[in-house]
Amino acid sequence: MTDSTELVLEFAYYATQEIEARALERVLNAETDYAVEVGQLEDDVVWVVQGSTQPTTLTLEKLDQWVEWMVTVGLHNGCEFDGWGAPVGETR
């Protein structure tokens, strides 16, 4: 991987209430071009907000800034950022 490799980043958040998950979904849809979905886990207790970015190039600095923003926007909407990943073999 180099600074010119395009990656799609997948991410997930957890929320205890649907209203929090839907609020985060609205913010992400308004402020990004990410694909975002909201669903409920089988135990009917936890809500999940998950999605993926558009293909993008990254530096370590840009990735750190993105993670900080994702954590902050989640907290402001009552959701916990669970993390991110980049599918292997999905580079562009």
PDB file of N, CA and C in Angstrom:
ATOM      1  N   MET A   1       0.822  -1.170   0.000  1.00  0.00           N
ATOM      2  CA  MET A   1       0.000   0.000   0.000  1.00  0.00           C
ATOM      3  C   MET A   1       0.871   1.240   0.000  1.00  0.00           C
ATOM      4  N   THR A   2       0.495   2.223  -0.803  1.00  0.00           N
ATOM      5  CA  THR A   2       1.206   3.495  -0.843  1.00  0.00           C
ATOM      6  C   THR A   2       0.208   4.625  -0.645  1.00  0.00           C
ATOM      7  N   ASP A   3       0.710   5.857  -0.606  1.00  0.00           N
ATOM      8  CA  ASP A   3      -0.163   7.024  -0.465  1.00  0.00           C
ATOM      9  C   ASP A   3      -1.064   7.212  -1.680  1.00  0.00           C
ATOM     10  N   SER A   4      -0.773   6.536  -2.786  1.00  0.00           N
ATOM     11  CA  SER A   4      -1.609   6.665  -3.982  1.00  0.00           C
ATOM     12  C   SER A   4      -2.572   5.485  -4.156  1.00  0.00           C
ATOM     13  N   THR A   5      -2.557   4.537  -3.240  1.00  0.00           N
ATOM     14  CA  THR A   5      -3.478   3.404  -3.297  1.00  0.00           C
ATOM     15  C   THR A   5      -4.859   3.850  -2.824  1.00  0.00           C
ATOM     16  N   GLU A   6      -5.873   3.571  -3.627  1.00  0.00           N
ATOM     17  CA  GLU A   6      -7.231   3.908  -3.225  1.00  0.00           C
ATOM     18  C   GLU A   6      -7.831   2.759  -2.409  1.00  0.00           C
ATOM     19  N   LEU A   7      -8.438   3.121  -1.287  1.00  0.00           N
ATOM     20  CA  LEU A   7      -9.070   2.148  -0.402  1.00  0.00           C
ATOM     21  C   LEU A   7     -10.505   2.552  -0.118  1.00  0.00           C
ATOM     22  N   VAL A   8     -11.346   1.569   0.096  1.00  0.00           N
ATOM     23  CA  VAL A   8     -12.692   1.782   0.626  1.00  0.00           C
ATOM     24  C   VAL A   8     -12.628   1.393   2.091  1.00  0.00           C
ATOM     25  N   LEU A   9     -12.938   2.331   2.969  1.00  0.00           N
ATOM     26  CA  LEU A   9     -12.918   2.059   4.404  1.00  0.00           C
ATOM     27  C   LEU A   9     -14.326   1.692   4.871  1.00  0.00           C
ATOM     28  N   GLU A  10     -14.443   0.586   5.561  1.00  0.00           N
ATOM     29  CA  GLU A  10     -15.709   0.184   6.168  1.00  0.00           C
ATOM     30  C   GLU A  10     -15.666   0.575   7.637  1.00  0.00           C
ATOM     31  N   PHE A  11     -16.816   0.955   8.180  1.00  0.00           N
ATOM     32  CA  PHE A  11     -16.867   1.407   9.569  1.00  0.00           C
ATOM     33  C   PHE A  11     -18.147   0.936  10.229  1.00  0.00           C
ATOM     34  N   ALA A  12     -18.147   0.980  11.565  1.00  0.00           N
ATOM     35  CA  ALA A  12     -19.339   0.591  12.328  1.00  0.00           C
ATOM     36  C   ALA A  12     -19.398   1.360  13.636  1.00  0.00           C
ATOM     37  N   TYR A  13     -20.622   1.608  14.072  1.00  0.00           N
ATOM     38  CA  TYR A  13     -20.920   2.224  15.359  1.00  0.00           C
ATOM     39  C   TYR A  13     -21.980   1.381  16.054  1.00  0.00           C
ATOM     40  N   TYR A  14     -22.031   1.495  17.373  1.00  0.00           N
ATOM     41  CA  TYR A  14     -23.091   0.874  18.156  1.00  0.00           C
ATOM     42  C   TYR A  14     -23.853   1.951  18.900  1.00  0.00           C
ATOM     43  N   ALA A  15     -25.166   1.739  19.039  1.00  0.00           N
ATOM     44  CA  ALA A  15     -26.037   2.651  19.790  1.00  0.00           C
ATOM     45  C   ALA A  15     -27.013   1.815  20.596  1.00  0.00           C
ATOM     46  N   THR A  16     -27.455   2.342  21.724  1.00  0.00           N
ATOM     47  CA  THR A  16     -28.417   1.614  22.547  1.00  0.00           C
ATOM     48  C   THR A  16     -29.854   1.933  22.176  1.00  0.00           C
ATOM     49  N   GLN A  17     -30.047   3.013  21.402  1.00  0.00           N
ATOM     50  CA  GLN A  17     -31.395   3.416  21.008  1.00  0.00           C
ATOM     51  C   GLN A  17     -31.440   3.714  19.512  1.00  0.00           C
ATOM     52  N   GLU A  18     -32.567   3.404  18.906  1.00  0.00           N
ATOM     53  CA  GLU A  18     -32.735   3.674  17.483  1.00  0.00           C
ATOM     54  C   GLU A  18     -32.615   5.163  17.182  1.00  0.00           C
ATOM     55  N   ILE A  19     -33.142   6.014  18.050  1.00  0.00           N
ATOM     56  CA  ILE A  19     -33.106   7.456  17.800  1.00  0.00           C
ATOM     57  C   ILE A  19     -31.669   7.963  17.652  1.00  0.00           C
ATOM     58  N   GLU A  20     -30.751   7.393  18.436  1.00  0.00           N
ATOM     59  CA  GLU A  20     -29.337   7.771  18.340  1.00  0.00           C
ATOM     60  C   GLU A  20     -28.739   7.282  17.021  1.00  0.00           C
ATOM     61  N   ALA A  21     -29.048   6.051  16.668  1.00  0.00           N
ATOM     62  CA  ALA A  21     -28.533   5.494  15.412  1.00  0.00           C
ATOM     63  C   ALA A  21     -29.043   6.292  14.222  1.00  0.00           C
ATOM     64  N   ARG A  22     -30.319   6.650  14.233  1.00  0.00           N
ATOM     65  CA  ARG A  22     -30.902   7.418  13.121  1.00  0.00           C
ATOM     66  C   ARG A  22     -30.328   8.829  13.061  1.00  0.00           C
ATOM     67  N   ALA A  23     -30.045   9.424  14.217  1.00  0.00           N
ATOM     68  CA  ALA A  23     -29.439  10.762  14.235  1.00  0.00           C
ATOM     69  C   ALA A  23     -28.060  10.724  13.596  1.00  0.00           C
ATOM     70  N   LEU A  24     -27.277   9.720  13.941  1.00  0.00           N
ATOM     71  CA  LEU A  24     -25.948   9.595  13.335  1.00  0.00           C
ATOM     72  C   LEU A  24     -26.068   9.327  11.837  1.00  0.00           C
ATOM     73  N   GLU A  25     -26.999   8.501  11.445  1.00  0.00           N
ATOM     74  CA  GLU A  25     -27.227   8.228  10.016  1.00  0.00           C
ATOM     75  C   GLU A  25     -27.504   9.537   9.265  1.00  0.00           C
ATOM     76  N   ARG A  26     -28.355  10.387   9.828  1.00  0.00           N
ATOM     77  CA  ARG A  26     -28.677  11.679   9.179  1.00  0.00           C
ATOM     78  C   ARG A  26     -27.434  12.555   9.036  1.00  0.00           C
ATOM     79  N   VAL A  27     -26.618  12.620  10.086  1.00  0.00           N
ATOM     80  CA  VAL A  27     -25.405  13.443  10.034  1.00  0.00           C
ATOM     81  C   VAL A  27     -24.439  12.908   8.977  1.00  0.00           C
ATOM     82  N   LEU A  28     -24.208  11.611   8.978  1.00  0.00           N
ATOM     83  CA  LEU A  28     -23.281  11.037   8.002  1.00  0.00           C
ATOM     84  C   LEU A  28     -23.796  11.236   6.573  1.00  0.00           C
ATOM     85  N   ASN A  29     -25.100  11.089   6.372  1.00  0.00           N
ATOM     86  CA  ASN A  29     -25.657  11.308   5.034  1.00  0.00           C
ATOM     87  C   ASN A  29     -25.562  12.770   4.611  1.00  0.00           C
ATOM     88  N   ALA A  30     -25.694  13.687   5.563  1.00  0.00           N
ATOM     89  CA  ALA A  30     -25.646  15.115   5.240  1.00  0.00           C
ATOM     90  C   ALA A  30     -24.219  15.614   5.010  1.00  0.00           C
ATOM     91  N   GLU A  31     -23.259  15.058   5.736  1.00  0.00           N
ATOM     92  CA  GLU A  31     -21.905  15.603   5.707  1.00  0.00           C
ATOM     93  C   GLU A  31     -20.897  14.786   4.917  1.00  0.00           C
ATOM     94  N   THR A  32     -21.295  13.593   4.431  1.00  0.00           N
ATOM     95  CA  THR A  32     -20.366  12.751   3.686  1.00  0.00           C
ATOM     96  C   THR A  32     -21.061  12.150   2.472  1.00  0.00           C
ATOM     97  N   ASP A  33     -20.290  11.468   1.660  1.00  0.00           N
ATOM     98  CA  ASP A  33     -20.854  10.714   0.538  1.00  0.00           C
ATOM     99  C   ASP A  33     -20.756   9.214   0.803  1.00  0.00           C
ATOM    100  N   TYR A  34     -20.772   8.817   2.074  1.00  0.00           N
ATOM    101  CA  TYR A  34     -20.636   7.430   2.476  1.00  0.00           C
ATOM    102  C   TYR A  34     -21.947   6.677   2.274  1.00  0.00           C
ATOM    103  N   ALA A  35     -21.839   5.387   2.030  1.00  0.00           N
ATOM    104  CA  ALA A  35     -22.996   4.495   2.064  1.00  0.00           C
ATOM    105  C   ALA A  35     -23.220   4.137   3.527  1.00  0.00           C
ATOM    106  N   VAL A  36     -24.419   4.371   4.038  1.00  0.00           N
ATOM    107  CA  VAL A  36     -24.700   4.178   5.466  1.00  0.00           C
ATOM    108  C   VAL A  36     -25.983   3.362   5.625  1.00  0.00           C
ATOM    109  N   GLU A  37     -25.949   2.392   6.537  1.00  0.00           N
ATOM    110  CA  GLU A  37     -27.110   1.566   6.860  1.00  0.00           C
ATOM    111  C   GLU A  37     -27.283   1.501   8.370  1.00  0.00           C
ATOM    112  N   VAL A  38     -28.532   1.393   8.811  1.00  0.00           N
ATOM    113  CA  VAL A  38     -28.845   1.222  10.225  1.00  0.00           C
ATOM    114  C   VAL A  38     -29.607  -0.082  10.381  1.00  0.00           C
ATOM    115  N   GLY A  39     -29.254  -0.854  11.387  1.00  0.00           N
ATOM    116  CA  GLY A  39     -29.960  -2.097  11.658  1.00  0.00           C
ATOM    117  C   GLY A  39     -29.878  -2.437  13.131  1.00  0.00           C
ATOM    118  N   GLN A  40     -30.609  -3.458  13.487  1.00  0.00           N
ATOM    119  CA  GLN A  40     -30.632  -3.887  14.879  1.00  0.00           C
ATOM    120  C   GLN A  40     -30.062  -5.291  14.970  1.00  0.00           C
ATOM    121  N   LEU A  41     -29.267  -5.527  15.995  1.00  0.00           N
ATOM    122  CA  LEU A  41     -28.725  -6.860  16.204  1.00  0.00           C
ATOM    123  C   LEU A  41     -29.826  -7.810  16.657  1.00  0.00           C
ATOM    124  N   GLU A  42     -29.559  -9.077  16.539  1.00  0.00           N
ATOM    125  CA  GLU A  42     -30.555 -10.101  16.846  1.00  0.00           C
ATOM    126  C   GLU A  42     -31.114 -10.021  18.253  1.00  0.00           C
ATOM    127  N   ASP A  43     -30.318  -9.536  19.189  1.00  0.00           N
ATOM    128  CA  ASP A  43     -30.787  -9.490  20.577  1.00  0.00           C
ATOM    129  C   ASP A  43     -31.768  -8.350  20.840  1.00  0.00           C
ATOM    130  N   ASP A  44     -32.051  -7.536  19.809  1.00  0.00           N
ATOM    131  CA  ASP A  44     -33.002  -6.422  19.898  1.00  0.00           C
ATOM    132  C   ASP A  44     -32.624  -5.371  20.938  1.00  0.00           C
ATOM    133  N   VAL A  45     -31.355  -5.338  21.306  1.00  0.00           N
ATOM    134  CA  VAL A  45     -30.905  -4.368  22.301  1.00  0.00           C
ATOM    135  C   VAL A  45     -29.982  -3.330  21.675  1.00  0.00           C
ATOM    136  N   VAL A  46     -29.135  -3.753  20.778  1.00  0.00           N
ATOM    137  CA  VAL A  46     -28.111  -2.871  20.216  1.00  0.00           C
ATOM    138  C   VAL A  46     -28.437  -2.524  18.770  1.00  0.00           C
ATOM    139  N   TRP A  47     -28.272  -1.259  18.443  1.00  0.00           N
ATOM    140  CA  TRP A  47     -28.435  -0.769  17.074  1.00  0.00           C
ATOM    141  C   TRP A  47     -27.056  -0.582  16.464  1.00  0.00           C
ATOM    142  N   VAL A  48     -26.938  -0.843  15.180  1.00  0.00           N
ATOM    143  CA  VAL A  48     -25.675  -0.740  14.470  1.00  0.00           C
ATOM    144  C   VAL A  48     -25.823   0.242  13.323  1.00  0.00           C
ATOM    145  N   VAL A  49     -24.867   1.151  13.235  1.00  0.00           N
ATOM    146  CA  VAL A  49     -24.745   2.037  12.073  1.00  0.00           C
ATOM    147  C   VAL A  49     -23.473   1.594  11.379  1.00  0.00           C
ATOM    148  N   GLN A  50     -23.602   1.153  10.148  1.00  0.00           N
ATOM    149  CA  GLN A  50     -22.413   0.705   9.425  1.00  0.00           C
ATOM    150  C   GLN A  50     -22.429   1.273   8.021  1.00  0.00           C
ATOM    151  N   GLY A  51     -21.243   1.296   7.442  1.00  0.00           N
ATOM    152  CA  GLY A  51     -21.164   1.826   6.094  1.00  0.00           C
ATOM    153  C   GLY A  51     -19.770   1.754   5.531  1.00  0.00           C
ATOM    154  N   SER A  52     -19.605   2.463   4.437  1.00  0.00           N
ATOM    155  CA  SER A  52     -18.308   2.483   3.765  1.00  0.00           C
ATOM    156  C   SER A  52     -18.108   3.824   3.072  1.00  0.00           C
ATOM    157  N   THR A  53     -16.853   4.183   2.941  1.00  0.00           N
ATOM    158  CA  THR A  53     -16.483   5.413   2.249  1.00  0.00           C
ATOM    159  C   THR A  53     -16.435   5.156   0.750  1.00  0.00           C
ATOM    160  N   GLN A  54     -16.301   6.212  -0.005  1.00  0.00           N
ATOM    161  CA  GLN A  54     -15.963   6.105  -1.416  1.00  0.00           C
ATOM    162  C   GLN A  54     -14.481   5.764  -1.484  1.00  0.00           C
ATOM    163  N   PRO A  55     -14.011   5.213  -2.596  1.00  0.00           N
ATOM    164  CA  PRO A  55     -12.571   4.955  -2.716  1.00  0.00           C
ATOM    165  C   PRO A  55     -11.785   6.255  -2.509  1.00  0.00           C
ATOM    166  N   THR A  56     -10.740   6.157  -1.713  1.00  0.00           N
ATOM    167  CA  THR A  56      -9.947   7.340  -1.405  1.00  0.00           C
ATOM    168  C   THR A  56      -8.496   6.954  -1.150  1.00  0.00           C
ATOM    169  N   THR A  57      -7.604   7.901  -1.381  1.00  0.00           N
ATOM    170  CA  THR A  57      -6.201   7.688  -1.023  1.00  0.00           C
ATOM    171  C   THR A  57      -5.996   8.212   0.393  1.00  0.00           C
ATOM    172  N   LEU A  58      -5.065   7.620   1.106  1.00  0.00           N
ATOM    173  CA  LEU A  58      -4.856   7.979   2.501  1.00  0.00           C
ATOM    174  C   LEU A  58      -3.382   8.081   2.837  1.00  0.00           C
ATOM    175  N   THR A  59      -3.092   9.007   3.719  1.00  0.00           N
ATOM    176  CA  THR A  59      -1.814   9.027   4.414  1.00  0.00           C
ATOM    177  C   THR A  59      -2.125   8.702   5.862  1.00  0.00           C
ATOM    178  N   LEU A  60      -1.131   8.402   6.644  1.00  0.00           N
ATOM    179  CA  LEU A  60      -1.358   8.129   8.059  1.00  0.00           C
ATOM    180  C   LEU A  60      -1.998   9.337   8.743  1.00  0.00           C
ATOM    181  N   GLU A  61      -1.567  10.536   8.381  1.00  0.00           N
ATOM    182  CA  GLU A  61      -2.132  11.759   8.955  1.00  0.00           C
ATOM    183  C   GLU A  61      -3.618  11.896   8.606  1.00  0.00           C
ATOM    184  N   LYS A  62      -3.970  11.675   7.349  1.00  0.00           N
ATOM    185  CA  LYS A  62      -5.375  11.763   6.932  1.00  0.00           C
ATOM    186  C   LYS A  62      -6.222  10.706   7.635  1.00  0.00           C
ATOM    187  N   LEU A  63      -5.678   9.512   7.786  1.00  0.00           N
ATOM    188  CA  LEU A  63      -6.405   8.445   8.462  1.00  0.00           C
ATOM    189  C   LEU A  63      -6.637   8.803   9.933  1.00  0.00           C
ATOM    190  N   ASP A  64      -5.624   9.338  10.595  1.00  0.00           N
ATOM    191  CA  ASP A  64      -5.773   9.758  11.991  1.00  0.00           C
ATOM    192  C   ASP A  64      -6.854  10.827  12.128  1.00  0.00           C
ATOM    193  N   GLN A  65      -6.873  11.807  11.218  1.00  0.00           N
ATOM    194  CA  GLN A  65      -7.883  12.866  11.247  1.00  0.00           C
ATOM    195  C   GLN A  65      -9.275  12.304  11.007  1.00  0.00           C
ATOM    196  N   TRP A  66      -9.379  11.363  10.072  1.00  0.00           N
ATOM    197  CA  TRP A  66     -10.673  10.756   9.769  1.00  0.00           C
ATOM    198  C   TRP A  66     -11.202   9.988  10.982  1.00  0.00           C
ATOM    199  N   VAL A  67     -10.345   9.185  11.620  1.00  0.00           N
ATOM    200  CA  VAL A  67     -10.769   8.415  12.786  1.00  0.00           C
ATOM    201  C   VAL A  67     -11.207   9.355  13.908  1.00  0.00           C
ATOM    202  N   GLU A  68     -10.454  10.410  14.129  1.00  0.00           N
ATOM    203  CA  GLU A  68     -10.831  11.374  15.174  1.00  0.00           C
ATOM    204  C   GLU A  68     -12.205  11.972  14.885  1.00  0.00           C
ATOM    205  N   TRP A  69     -12.469  12.350  13.627  1.00  0.00           N
ATOM    206  CA  TRP A  69     -13.766  12.916  13.255  1.00  0.00           C
ATOM    207  C   TRP A  69     -14.870  11.886  13.443  1.00  0.00           C
ATOM    208  N   MET A  70     -14.623  10.648  13.023  1.00  0.00           N
ATOM    209  CA  MET A  70     -15.637   9.602  13.139  1.00  0.00           C
ATOM    210  C   MET A  70     -15.980   9.334  14.607  1.00  0.00           C
ATOM    211  N   VAL A  71     -14.991   9.278  15.468  1.00  0.00           N
ATOM    212  CA  VAL A  71     -15.232   9.074  16.898  1.00  0.00           C
ATOM    213  C   VAL A  71     -16.054  10.231  17.455  1.00  0.00           C
ATOM    214  N   THR A  72     -15.661  11.451  17.118  1.00  0.00           N
ATOM    215  CA  THR A  72     -16.329  12.649  17.643  1.00  0.00           C
ATOM    216  C   THR A  72     -17.772  12.739  17.172  1.00  0.00           C
ATOM    217  N   VAL A  73     -18.016  12.538  15.881  1.00  0.00           N
ATOM    218  CA  VAL A  73     -19.391  12.637  15.370  1.00  0.00           C
ATOM    219  C   VAL A  73     -20.260  11.539  15.980  1.00  0.00           C
ATOM    220  N   GLY A  74     -19.695  10.391  16.245  1.00  0.00           N
ATOM    221  CA  GLY A  74     -20.451   9.339  16.912  1.00  0.00           C
ATOM    222  C   GLY A  74     -20.826   9.729  18.326  1.00  0.00           C
ATOM    223  N   LEU A  75     -19.855  10.212  19.083  1.00  0.00           N
ATOM    224  CA  LEU A  75     -20.118  10.603  20.468  1.00  0.00           C
ATOM    225  C   LEU A  75     -21.158  11.706  20.560  1.00  0.00           C
ATOM    226  N   HIS A  76     -21.116  12.665  19.639  1.00  0.00           N
ATOM    227  CA  HIS A  76     -22.084  13.767  19.648  1.00  0.00           C
ATOM    228  C   HIS A  76     -23.495  13.293  19.350  1.00  0.00           C
ATOM    229  N   ASN A  77     -23.623  12.084  18.827  1.00  0.00           N
ATOM    230  CA  ASN A  77     -24.938  11.535  18.508  1.00  0.00           C
ATOM    231  C   ASN A  77     -25.278  10.302  19.340  1.00  0.00           C
ATOM    232  N   GLY A  78     -24.531  10.087  20.419  1.00  0.00           N
ATOM    233  CA  GLY A  78     -24.835   9.005  21.332  1.00  0.00           C
ATOM    234  C   GLY A  78     -24.437   7.621  20.847  1.00  0.00           C
ATOM    235  N   CYS A  79     -23.487   7.561  19.905  1.00  0.00           N
ATOM    236  CA  CYS A  79     -23.058   6.280  19.345  1.00  0.00           C
ATOM    237  C   CYS A  79     -21.569   6.055  19.609  1.00  0.00           C
ATOM    238  N   GLU A  80     -21.205   4.807  19.760  1.00  0.00           N
ATOM    239  CA  GLU A  80     -19.811   4.444  19.998  1.00  0.00           C
ATOM    240  C   GLU A  80     -19.191   3.920  18.710  1.00  0.00           C
ATOM    241  N   PHE A  81     -18.094   4.539  18.294  1.00  0.00           N
ATOM    242  CA  PHE A  81     -17.376   4.096  17.103  1.00  0.00           C
ATOM    243  C   PHE A  81     -16.724   2.756  17.414  1.00  0.00           C
ATOM    244  N   ASP A  82     -17.097   1.724  16.660  1.00  0.00           N
ATOM    245  CA  ASP A  82     -16.557   0.392  16.907  1.00  0.00           C
ATOM    246  C   ASP A  82     -15.252   0.165  16.162  1.00  0.00           C
ATOM    247  N   GLY A  83     -15.053   0.871  15.064  1.00  0.00           N
ATOM    248  CA  GLY A  83     -13.807   0.728  14.337  1.00  0.00           C
ATOM    249  C   GLY A  83     -13.995   0.780  12.840  1.00  0.00           C
ATOM    250  N   TRP A  84     -12.898   0.503  12.160  1.00  0.00           N
ATOM    251  CA  TRP A  84     -12.901   0.558  10.700  1.00  0.00           C
ATOM    252  C   TRP A  84     -12.013  -0.560  10.164  1.00  0.00           C
ATOM    253  N   GLY A  85     -12.154  -0.801   8.895  1.00  0.00           N
ATOM    254  CA  GLY A  85     -11.327  -1.783   8.219  1.00  0.00           C
ATOM    255  C   GLY A  85     -11.313  -1.501   6.731  1.00  0.00           C
ATOM    256  N   ALA A  86     -10.382  -2.101   6.062  1.00  0.00           N
ATOM    257  CA  ALA A  86     -10.275  -1.990   4.604  1.00  0.00           C
ATOM    258  C   ALA A  86     -10.172  -3.406   4.057  1.00  0.00           C
ATOM    259  N   PRO A  87     -11.144  -3.817   3.260  1.00  0.00           N
ATOM    260  CA  PRO A  87     -11.120  -5.185   2.724  1.00  0.00           C
ATOM    261  C   PRO A  87      -9.839  -5.462   1.943  1.00  0.00           C
ATOM    262  N   VAL A  88      -9.238  -6.596   2.195  1.00  0.00           N
ATOM    263  CA  VAL A  88      -8.043  -7.027   1.483  1.00  0.00           C
ATOM    264  C   VAL A  88      -8.437  -7.387   0.055  1.00  0.00           C
ATOM    265  N   GLY A  89      -7.624  -6.931  -0.882  1.00  0.00           N
ATOM    266  CA  GLY A  89      -7.910  -7.222  -2.270  1.00  0.00           C
ATOM    267  C   GLY A  89      -8.922  -6.293  -2.893  1.00  0.00           C
ATOM    268  N   GLU A  90      -9.389  -5.302  -2.120  1.00  0.00           N
ATOM    269  CA  GLU A  90     -10.380  -4.353  -2.625  1.00  0.00           C
ATOM    270  C   GLU A  90      -9.744  -3.013  -2.975  1.00  0.00           C
ATOM    271  N   THR A  91      -8.443  -2.951  -3.103  1.00  0.00           N
ATOM    272  CA  THR A  91      -7.791  -1.693  -3.448  1.00  0.00           C
ATOM    273  C   THR A  91      -8.087  -1.369  -4.899  1.00  0.00           C
ATOM    274  N   ARG A  92      -7.983  -0.104  -5.234  1.00  0.00           N
ATOM    275  CA  ARG A  92      -8.238   0.337  -6.609  1.00  0.00           C
ATOM    276  C   ARG A  92      -7.084   1.146  -7.123  1.00  0.00           C
TER     277      ARG A  92
END
